Amino acid sequence: MKKKFGYILIILILFSCNQTETKNTPEIEIFLTKKRIKSYQGLEISENNIDSLGYRFVESRFDFNVIRLDTTTNELIFSGEFTAKKTDLRDKPFLDKSRIIDFNPKNGHLIIDSIGAKQITELPRSNNMGHQFVLTVDGEPKLFGYFYSYPFSYYCHTYTYDFLRPILITDFEMTYGREMRKVDLEIENPELYKILSNRDK
């Protein structure tokens, strides 16, 4: 009887460990937005101020409801910071968990498989202002940025994954802003960092 009880106890312990491991493995996916979400950076350019700002030429070349104006530098913001809700995302992930091999919670380094890489290079051109993406953890939006095809794009003012058509890249370094600085998500997005840095513990 004691021997049988011992077997049951071992099984319960193994099951418990498996459950704990599952709980500590957040599911990471990347979605595209249903439509372009307006950035909250800078000043909105509208019909009311476009002439006084001297940017009427923008109307014939771009949707001025999308771009913004940096009032400090007087430069246009083509792809600025934004935020999104679940309802803003497309129904299916652009890169589901099977496509994502690794995501570094510290620097945003992303490694995907060749199928995912092909999907990125096949993104349609979008007035050279990139495609908005949202990284979700267990279905919750946590990080917002752009897939950008250089050198044929305007500057981006937030998180970016660069690619160059038609070259397949499976290894993506995340950068931030037009200066393309390295990212430190431990400081910039501590909530995301904490969730993902504990996933294997």
C-alpha atoms as a PDB file:
ATOM      1  CA  MET A   1       0.000   0.000   0.000  1.00  0.00           C
ATOM      2  CA  LYS A   2       2.841   2.378   0.909  1.00  0.00           C
ATOM      3  CA  LYS A   3       4.598   1.560  -2.372  1.00  0.00           C
ATOM      4  CA  LYS A   4       1.450   2.333  -4.353  1.00  0.00           C
ATOM      5  CA  PHE A   5       0.994   5.600  -2.479  1.00  0.00           C
ATOM      6  CA  GLY A   6       4.597   6.520  -3.296  1.00  0.00           C
ATOM      7  CA  TYR A   7       3.964   6.058  -7.025  1.00  0.00           C
ATOM      8  CA  ILE A   8       0.869   8.265  -6.831  1.00  0.00           C
ATOM      9  CA  LEU A   9       2.818  10.952  -4.969  1.00  0.00           C
ATOM     10  CA  ILE A  10       5.566  10.966  -7.621  1.00  0.00           C
ATOM     11  CA  ILE A  11       2.987  11.284 -10.405  1.00  0.00           C
ATOM     12  CA  LEU A  12       1.309  14.198  -8.623  1.00  0.00           C
ATOM     13  CA  ILE A  13       4.659  15.970  -8.160  1.00  0.00           C
ATOM     14  CA  LEU A  14       5.568  15.529 -11.830  1.00  0.00           C
ATOM     15  CA  PHE A  15       2.141  16.789 -12.902  1.00  0.00           C
ATOM     16  CA  SER A  16       2.476  19.796 -10.622  1.00  0.00           C
ATOM     17  CA  CYS A  17       5.911  20.633 -12.036  1.00  0.00           C
ATOM     18  CA  ASN A  18       4.557  20.398 -15.568  1.00  0.00           C
ATOM     19  CA  GLN A  19       1.681  22.725 -14.719  1.00  0.00           C
ATOM     20  CA  THR A  20       4.091  25.221 -13.154  1.00  0.00           C
ATOM     21  CA  GLU A  21       6.301  25.132 -16.242  1.00  0.00           C
ATOM     22  CA  THR A  22       3.301  25.748 -18.489  1.00  0.00           C
ATOM     23  CA  LYS A  23       2.187  28.730 -16.424  1.00  0.00           C
ATOM     24  CA  ASN A  24       5.694  30.228 -16.602  1.00  0.00           C
ATOM     25  CA  THR A  25       5.821  30.093 -20.402  1.00  0.00           C
ATOM     26  CA  PRO A  26       3.928  33.121 -21.718  1.00  0.00           C
ATOM     27  CA  GLU A  27       2.701  32.878 -25.296  1.00  0.00           C
ATOM     28  CA  ILE A  28       4.252  35.535 -27.539  1.00  0.00           C
ATOM     29  CA  GLU A  29       2.638  36.494 -30.845  1.00  0.00           C
ATOM     30  CA  ILE A  30       2.891  39.466 -33.192  1.00  0.00           C
ATOM     31  CA  PHE A  31      -0.158  41.052 -34.816  1.00  0.00           C
ATOM     32  CA  LEU A  32      -0.602  43.694 -37.472  1.00  0.00           C
ATOM     33  CA  THR A  33      -3.173  46.413 -36.866  1.00  0.00           C
ATOM     34  CA  LYS A  34      -6.448  46.459 -38.797  1.00  0.00           C
ATOM     35  CA  LYS A  35      -5.734  49.999 -39.951  1.00  0.00           C
ATOM     36  CA  ARG A  36      -3.157  52.676 -39.331  1.00  0.00           C
ATOM     37  CA  ILE A  37      -3.384  53.976 -35.761  1.00  0.00           C
ATOM     38  CA  LYS A  38      -2.596  57.645 -35.283  1.00  0.00           C
ATOM     39  CA  SER A  39       0.503  58.383 -33.230  1.00  0.00           C
ATOM     40  CA  TYR A  40       0.183  60.380 -30.027  1.00  0.00           C
ATOM     41  CA  GLN A  41       3.609  62.005 -30.505  1.00  0.00           C
ATOM     42  CA  GLY A  42       3.934  65.628 -31.516  1.00  0.00           C
ATOM     43  CA  LEU A  43       1.233  67.938 -32.840  1.00  0.00           C
ATOM     44  CA  GLU A  44      -1.671  66.788 -34.961  1.00  0.00           C
ATOM     45  CA  ILE A  45      -1.717  68.254 -38.467  1.00  0.00           C
ATOM     46  CA  SER A  46      -5.256  69.125 -39.494  1.00  0.00           C
ATOM     47  CA  GLU A  47      -7.148  71.283 -41.945  1.00  0.00           C
ATOM     48  CA  ASN A  48      -7.264  73.933 -39.241  1.00  0.00           C
ATOM     49  CA  ASN A  49      -3.508  74.394 -38.900  1.00  0.00           C
ATOM     50  CA  ILE A  50      -1.887  72.914 -41.993  1.00  0.00           C
ATOM     51  CA  ASP A  51      -1.491  76.304 -43.704  1.00  0.00           C
ATOM     52  CA  SER A  52      -0.182  78.133 -40.651  1.00  0.00           C
ATOM     53  CA  LEU A  53       2.349  75.355 -40.121  1.00  0.00           C
ATOM     54  CA  GLY A  54       3.460  75.575 -43.739  1.00  0.00           C
ATOM     55  CA  TYR A  55       2.804  71.937 -44.551  1.00  0.00           C
ATOM     56  CA  ARG A  56       0.085  72.150 -47.209  1.00  0.00           C
ATOM     57  CA  PHE A  57       2.359  70.169 -49.551  1.00  0.00           C
ATOM     58  CA  VAL A  58       1.891  67.179 -47.248  1.00  0.00           C
ATOM     59  CA  GLU A  59      -1.748  66.857 -48.267  1.00  0.00           C
ATOM     60  CA  SER A  60      -0.938  65.914 -51.856  1.00  0.00           C
ATOM     61  CA  ARG A  61       1.691  63.355 -50.891  1.00  0.00           C
ATOM     62  CA  PHE A  62       0.465  61.782 -47.662  1.00  0.00           C
ATOM     63  CA  ASP A  63      -2.551  61.344 -45.472  1.00  0.00           C
ATOM     64  CA  PHE A  64      -1.922  64.190 -43.037  1.00  0.00           C
ATOM     65  CA  ASN A  65      -4.288  62.496 -40.605  1.00  0.00           C
ATOM     66  CA  VAL A  66      -1.513  59.940 -40.095  1.00  0.00           C
ATOM     67  CA  ILE A  67       1.629  62.053 -39.776  1.00  0.00           C
ATOM     68  CA  ARG A  68       2.389  64.463 -36.920  1.00  0.00           C
ATOM     69  CA  LEU A  69       4.687  67.410 -36.321  1.00  0.00           C
ATOM     70  CA  ASP A  70       7.541  67.523 -33.822  1.00  0.00           C
ATOM     71  CA  THR A  71       7.191  71.071 -32.499  1.00  0.00           C
ATOM     72  CA  THR A  72      10.676  70.970 -30.956  1.00  0.00           C
ATOM     73  CA  THR A  73      12.552  70.219 -34.175  1.00  0.00           C
ATOM     74  CA  ASN A  74       9.789  71.271 -36.605  1.00  0.00           C
ATOM     75  CA  GLU A  75      10.184  67.914 -38.351  1.00  0.00           C
ATOM     76  CA  LEU A  76       7.436  65.606 -39.558  1.00  0.00           C
ATOM     77  CA  ILE A  77       6.775  62.403 -37.631  1.00  0.00           C
ATOM     78  CA  PHE A  78       5.822  59.744 -40.166  1.00  0.00           C
ATOM     79  CA  SER A  79       5.810  56.712 -37.892  1.00  0.00           C
ATOM     80  CA  GLY A  80       5.540  57.682 -34.252  1.00  0.00           C
ATOM     81  CA  GLU A  81       4.687  56.013 -30.983  1.00  0.00           C
ATOM     82  CA  PHE A  82       1.203  54.584 -30.698  1.00  0.00           C
ATOM     83  CA  THR A  83      -0.811  52.257 -28.527  1.00  0.00           C
ATOM     84  CA  ALA A  84      -3.438  49.667 -29.452  1.00  0.00           C
ATOM     85  CA  LYS A  85      -6.199  47.589 -27.907  1.00  0.00           C
ATOM     86  CA  LYS A  86      -7.140  44.012 -28.769  1.00  0.00           C
ATOM     87  CA  THR A  87      -9.959  45.301 -30.951  1.00  0.00           C
ATOM     88  CA  ASP A  88      -7.417  47.203 -33.072  1.00  0.00           C
ATOM     89  CA  LEU A  89      -5.617  43.997 -34.054  1.00  0.00           C
ATOM     90  CA  ARG A  90      -6.305  41.719 -36.976  1.00  0.00           C
ATOM     91  CA  ASP A  91      -8.146  38.522 -36.160  1.00  0.00           C
ATOM     92  CA  LYS A  92      -5.154  36.235 -36.730  1.00  0.00           C
ATOM     93  CA  PRO A  93      -1.554  36.822 -35.649  1.00  0.00           C
ATOM     94  CA  PHE A  94       0.915  37.845 -38.328  1.00  0.00           C
ATOM     95  CA  LEU A  95       3.594  35.788 -36.571  1.00  0.00           C
ATOM     96  CA  ASP A  96       2.083  33.151 -34.321  1.00  0.00           C
ATOM     97  CA  LYS A  97       3.977  31.264 -31.635  1.00  0.00           C
ATOM     98  CA  SER A  98       5.074  28.569 -34.104  1.00  0.00           C
ATOM     99  CA  ARG A  99       6.923  31.189 -36.188  1.00  0.00           C
ATOM    100  CA  ILE A 100       8.703  32.846 -33.244  1.00  0.00           C
ATOM    101  CA  ILE A 101      11.817  30.963 -32.174  1.00  0.00           C
ATOM    102  CA  ASP A 102      13.022  33.448 -29.568  1.00  0.00           C
ATOM    103  CA  PHE A 103      12.363  36.942 -28.222  1.00  0.00           C
ATOM    104  CA  ASN A 104      14.906  38.587 -25.944  1.00  0.00           C
ATOM    105  CA  PRO A 105      13.052  40.468 -23.174  1.00  0.00           C
ATOM    106  CA  LYS A 106      16.044  42.741 -22.579  1.00  0.00           C
ATOM    107  CA  ASN A 107      16.822  44.107 -26.045  1.00  0.00           C
ATOM    108  CA  GLY A 108      13.866  42.975 -28.167  1.00  0.00           C
ATOM    109  CA  HIS A 109      16.054  40.738 -30.349  1.00  0.00           C
ATOM    110  CA  LEU A 110      13.678  38.579 -32.410  1.00  0.00           C
ATOM    111  CA  ILE A 111      14.437  35.262 -34.102  1.00  0.00           C
ATOM    112  CA  ILE A 112      11.817  33.725 -36.386  1.00  0.00           C
ATOM    113  CA  ASP A 113      11.681  30.822 -38.830  1.00  0.00           C
ATOM    114  CA  SER A 114      12.035  31.108 -42.612  1.00  0.00           C
ATOM    115  CA  ILE A 115       8.261  31.086 -43.161  1.00  0.00           C
ATOM    116  CA  GLY A 116       7.864  34.096 -40.879  1.00  0.00           C
ATOM    117  CA  ALA A 117      10.767  35.826 -42.638  1.00  0.00           C
ATOM    118  CA  LYS A 118       9.059  35.341 -45.997  1.00  0.00           C
ATOM    119  CA  GLN A 119       5.839  36.837 -44.619  1.00  0.00           C
ATOM    120  CA  ILE A 120       7.711  39.974 -43.580  1.00  0.00           C
ATOM    121  CA  THR A 121       9.416  40.488 -46.952  1.00  0.00           C
ATOM    122  CA  GLU A 122       6.033  40.075 -48.665  1.00  0.00           C
ATOM    123  CA  LEU A 123       4.414  42.906 -46.692  1.00  0.00           C
ATOM    124  CA  PRO A 124       2.943  45.389 -49.193  1.00  0.00           C
ATOM    125  CA  ARG A 125       4.543  48.791 -49.519  1.00  0.00           C
ATOM    126  CA  SER A 126       2.757  51.397 -47.396  1.00  0.00           C
ATOM    127  CA  ASN A 127       3.868  54.871 -48.536  1.00  0.00           C
ATOM    128  CA  ASN A 128       7.268  54.038 -47.061  1.00  0.00           C
ATOM    129  CA  MET A 129       5.980  54.534 -43.525  1.00  0.00           C
ATOM    130  CA  GLY A 130       6.193  50.945 -42.321  1.00  0.00           C
ATOM    131  CA  HIS A 131       3.623  48.500 -40.988  1.00  0.00           C
ATOM    132  CA  GLN A 132       2.417  48.821 -37.414  1.00  0.00           C
ATOM    133  CA  PHE A 133       2.848  45.696 -35.294  1.00  0.00           C
ATOM    134  CA  VAL A 134       1.762  44.799 -31.784  1.00  0.00           C
ATOM    135  CA  LEU A 135       3.558  42.182 -29.711  1.00  0.00           C
ATOM    136  CA  THR A 136       1.151  40.367 -27.408  1.00  0.00           C
ATOM    137  CA  VAL A 137       1.810  38.199 -24.377  1.00  0.00           C
ATOM    138  CA  ASP A 138      -0.960  35.705 -23.685  1.00  0.00           C
ATOM    139  CA  GLY A 139      -3.184  37.767 -25.956  1.00  0.00           C
ATOM    140  CA  GLU A 140      -2.535  41.097 -24.231  1.00  0.00           C
ATOM    141  CA  PRO A 141      -0.912  43.967 -26.217  1.00  0.00           C
ATOM    142  CA  LYS A 142       2.438  44.825 -24.625  1.00  0.00           C
ATOM    143  CA  LEU A 143       4.769  46.366 -27.210  1.00  0.00           C
ATOM    144  CA  PHE A 144       4.076  48.582 -30.221  1.00  0.00           C
ATOM    145  CA  GLY A 145       6.281  49.283 -33.213  1.00  0.00           C
ATOM    146  CA  TYR A 146       6.828  49.051 -36.965  1.00  0.00           C
ATOM    147  CA  PHE A 147       8.206  46.661 -39.550  1.00  0.00           C
ATOM    148  CA  TYR A 148      10.278  48.963 -41.737  1.00  0.00           C
ATOM    149  CA  SER A 149      11.856  48.357 -45.133  1.00  0.00           C
ATOM    150  CA  TYR A 150      15.043  50.391 -45.486  1.00  0.00           C
ATOM    151  CA  PRO A 151      16.545  52.283 -47.258  1.00  0.00           C
ATOM    152  CA  PHE A 152      13.278  53.200 -48.968  1.00  0.00           C
ATOM    153  CA  SER A 153      11.425  54.519 -45.920  1.00  0.00           C
ATOM    154  CA  TYR A 154      11.026  57.700 -43.918  1.00  0.00           C
ATOM    155  CA  TYR A 155      12.430  57.870 -40.413  1.00  0.00           C
ATOM    156  CA  CYS A 156      10.631  55.975 -37.689  1.00  0.00           C
ATOM    157  CA  HIS A 157      10.296  57.539 -34.227  1.00  0.00           C
ATOM    158  CA  THR A 158       9.706  54.430 -32.134  1.00  0.00           C
ATOM    159  CA  TYR A 159      10.477  50.675 -31.954  1.00  0.00           C
ATOM    160  CA  THR A 160      11.437  49.188 -35.295  1.00  0.00           C
ATOM    161  CA  TYR A 161      12.343  45.891 -36.938  1.00  0.00           C
ATOM    162  CA  ASP A 162      14.109  46.621 -40.229  1.00  0.00           C
ATOM    163  CA  PHE A 163      14.103  44.391 -43.281  1.00  0.00           C
ATOM    164  CA  LEU A 164      15.276  44.733 -46.864  1.00  0.00           C
ATOM    165  CA  ARG A 165      13.252  43.259 -49.698  1.00  0.00           C
ATOM    166  CA  PRO A 166      13.651  40.613 -51.036  1.00  0.00           C
ATOM    167  CA  ILE A 167      16.312  39.360 -48.632  1.00  0.00           C
ATOM    168  CA  LEU A 168      15.060  36.804 -46.106  1.00  0.00           C
ATOM    169  CA  ILE A 169      16.135  37.700 -42.580  1.00  0.00           C
ATOM    170  CA  THR A 170      15.321  35.468 -39.623  1.00  0.00           C
ATOM    171  CA  ASP A 171      17.311  37.449 -37.069  1.00  0.00           C
ATOM    172  CA  PHE A 172      15.986  40.926 -36.204  1.00  0.00           C
ATOM    173  CA  GLU A 173      17.589  43.547 -33.988  1.00  0.00           C
ATOM    174  CA  MET A 174      15.116  45.981 -32.449  1.00  0.00           C
ATOM    175  CA  THR A 175      16.061  49.654 -32.635  1.00  0.00           C
ATOM    176  CA  TYR A 176      14.375  52.830 -31.463  1.00  0.00           C
ATOM    177  CA  GLY A 177      13.871  56.156 -33.210  1.00  0.00           C
ATOM    178  CA  ARG A 178      15.515  57.831 -36.159  1.00  0.00           C
ATOM    179  CA  GLU A 179      18.903  57.509 -34.468  1.00  0.00           C
ATOM    180  CA  MET A 180      18.284  53.735 -34.384  1.00  0.00           C
ATOM    181  CA  ARG A 181      19.585  53.362 -30.864  1.00  0.00           C
ATOM    182  CA  LYS A 182      19.734  50.053 -29.051  1.00  0.00           C
ATOM    183  CA  VAL A 183      16.756  49.108 -26.910  1.00  0.00           C
ATOM    184  CA  ASP A 184      16.679  48.398 -23.170  1.00  0.00           C
ATOM    185  CA  LEU A 185      13.231  47.022 -22.386  1.00  0.00           C
ATOM    186  CA  GLU A 186      14.153  46.441 -18.752  1.00  0.00           C
ATOM    187  CA  ILE A 187      14.040  50.223 -18.366  1.00  0.00           C
ATOM    188  CA  GLU A 188      11.646  51.211 -21.155  1.00  0.00           C
ATOM    189  CA  ASN A 189       9.015  48.505 -20.661  1.00  0.00           C
ATOM    190  CA  PRO A 190       9.595  46.960 -17.205  1.00  0.00           C
ATOM    191  CA  GLU A 191       6.217  45.195 -17.184  1.00  0.00           C
ATOM    192  CA  LEU A 192       7.019  43.278 -20.368  1.00  0.00           C
ATOM    193  CA  TYR A 193      10.563  42.584 -19.214  1.00  0.00           C
ATOM    194  CA  LYS A 194       9.391  41.180 -15.882  1.00  0.00           C
ATOM    195  CA  ILE A 195       6.820  38.880 -17.486  1.00  0.00           C
ATOM    196  CA  LEU A 196       9.183  37.458 -20.084  1.00  0.00           C
ATOM    197  CA  SER A 197      12.381  37.317 -18.043  1.00  0.00           C
ATOM    198  CA  ASN A 198      10.621  35.006 -15.578  1.00  0.00           C
ATOM    199  CA  ARG A 199       9.210  32.663 -18.225  1.00  0.00           C
ATOM    200  CA  ASP A 200      11.900  30.009 -17.872  1.00  0.00           C
ATOM    201  CA  LYS A 201      12.306  30.254 -14.097  1.00  0.00           C
END
